[in-house]
Amino acid sequence: MLNDRERAATVEAAARLHRHLRIDLTNLSPASEDYTAVHRLADAVVVAIRSLTGEDPEWMRPAPAHLLPASAEKAEADVAGAFSPGEQGALRRQAS
C-alpha cells in the first residue's frame, strides 16, 4: 500500500504523463491506430488517478464560480450597459 507521499508522487507522475499524452494526440490523426492507443492510455491515467485519490484529476474538476465566464445573458446586459441605445442598434445591425 502506498503512503501519502508515495501516492502524491504517483499522482503527479501520472498527471505529467497525461499532459504529455494529450500533446501527442494533437500530432496524430484521429483516424490512426496510434491516436486510439494514446487516447486509451490517457483515459487509463484518468481512471488510475481516480482510483488512487477517490477524486477526478485536477484538470477535470469544475472551475471555481468566480473563474467561470459570465452567462450569455449577463454578458449581453453588460455590453448593453456600456453603449447607448443608438450604438446598441448599430452593433446589432453589424452582427446580422
Protein backbone atom coordinates (compact mmCIF):
# COMPACT_ATOMS: atom_id res chain seq x y z
CA MET A 1 0.00 0.00 0.00
CA LEU A 2 1.26 3.48 -0.87
CA ASN A 3 1.81 6.02 1.86
CA ASP A 4 0.53 9.58 1.35
CA ARG A 5 3.82 10.86 -0.07
CA GLU A 6 4.14 7.93 -2.49
CA ARG A 7 0.52 8.34 -3.55
CA ALA A 8 1.02 12.07 -4.21
CA ALA A 9 4.21 11.39 -6.19
CA THR A 10 2.47 8.71 -8.25
CA VAL A 11 -0.47 11.00 -8.99
CA GLU A 12 1.90 13.82 -10.03
CA ALA A 13 3.84 11.46 -12.32
CA ALA A 14 0.57 10.24 -13.83
CA ALA A 15 -0.57 13.84 -14.38
CA ARG A 16 2.72 14.64 -16.16
CA LEU A 17 2.26 11.57 -18.36
CA HIS A 18 -1.31 12.62 -19.14
CA ARG A 19 -0.16 16.12 -20.20
CA HIS A 20 2.46 14.54 -22.48
CA LEU A 21 -0.10 12.16 -23.99
CA ARG A 22 -2.53 15.00 -24.69
CA ILE A 23 0.22 16.84 -26.56
CA ASP A 24 0.96 13.68 -28.54
CA LEU A 25 -2.70 13.44 -29.53
CA THR A 26 -2.54 16.84 -31.21
CA ASN A 27 0.15 15.48 -33.54
CA LEU A 28 -1.75 12.34 -34.55
CA SER A 29 -4.58 11.76 -36.96
CA PRO A 30 -7.77 10.83 -35.08
CA ALA A 31 -8.25 8.04 -37.64
CA SER A 32 -4.92 6.38 -36.81
CA GLU A 33 -4.40 3.36 -34.59
CA ASP A 34 -1.72 5.29 -32.70
CA TYR A 35 -4.24 8.00 -31.81
CA THR A 36 -6.65 5.40 -30.48
CA ALA A 37 -3.93 3.73 -28.41
CA VAL A 38 -2.65 7.01 -26.96
CA HIS A 39 -6.21 8.16 -26.21
CA ARG A 40 -6.93 4.90 -24.38
CA LEU A 41 -3.72 5.29 -22.38
CA ALA A 42 -4.65 8.86 -21.43
CA ASP A 43 -8.09 7.63 -20.32
CA ALA A 44 -6.44 4.87 -18.26
CA VAL A 45 -4.34 7.51 -16.49
CA VAL A 46 -7.53 9.34 -15.51
CA VAL A 47 -9.02 6.10 -14.15
CA ALA A 48 -5.83 5.38 -12.18
CA ILE A 49 -5.79 8.85 -10.62
CA ARG A 50 -9.44 8.47 -9.62
CA SER A 51 -8.63 5.10 -8.08
CA LEU A 52 -5.67 6.49 -6.14
CA THR A 53 -7.33 9.67 -4.90
CA GLY A 54 -11.05 8.97 -4.96
CA GLU A 55 -11.47 12.20 -6.97
CA ASP A 56 -11.33 13.41 -10.53
CA PRO A 57 -7.91 14.63 -11.64
CA GLU A 58 -7.38 18.33 -11.00
CA TRP A 59 -7.77 19.26 -14.69
CA MET A 60 -11.24 17.66 -14.79
CA ARG A 61 -12.67 19.40 -11.74
CA PRO A 62 -15.09 22.30 -12.26
CA ALA A 63 -13.52 25.72 -12.07
CA PRO A 64 -14.48 27.89 -9.10
CA ALA A 65 -17.53 30.02 -9.89
CA HIS A 66 -15.53 33.26 -9.85
CA LEU A 67 -13.38 31.92 -12.73
CA LEU A 68 -16.27 30.83 -14.96
CA PRO A 69 -17.32 33.05 -17.86
CA ALA A 70 -20.46 35.08 -17.40
CA SER A 71 -23.65 33.70 -18.87
CA ALA A 72 -24.61 34.92 -22.33
CA GLU A 73 -27.49 36.92 -20.85
CA LYS A 74 -25.25 38.64 -18.31
CA ALA A 75 -22.61 39.34 -20.95
CA GLU A 76 -25.27 40.87 -23.21
CA ALA A 77 -26.58 43.01 -20.34
CA ASP A 78 -23.04 44.15 -19.53
CA VAL A 79 -22.49 45.13 -23.16
CA ALA A 80 -25.88 46.84 -23.35
CA GLY A 81 -25.00 48.98 -20.34
CA ALA A 82 -21.77 50.09 -21.99
CA PHE A 83 -23.43 51.52 -25.13
CA SER A 84 -26.20 54.00 -25.81
CA PRO A 85 -29.42 52.67 -27.40
CA GLY A 86 -28.31 54.03 -30.79
CA GLU A 87 -24.92 52.33 -30.51
CA GLN A 88 -26.60 49.09 -29.44
CA GLY A 89 -28.78 49.17 -32.56
CA ALA A 90 -25.77 49.79 -34.78
CA LEU A 91 -23.92 46.88 -33.18
CA ARG A 92 -26.91 44.57 -33.70
CA ARG A 93 -27.17 45.57 -37.36
CA GLN A 94 -23.45 44.89 -37.84
CA ALA A 95 -23.79 41.47 -36.22
CA SER A 96 -26.69 40.50 -38.53
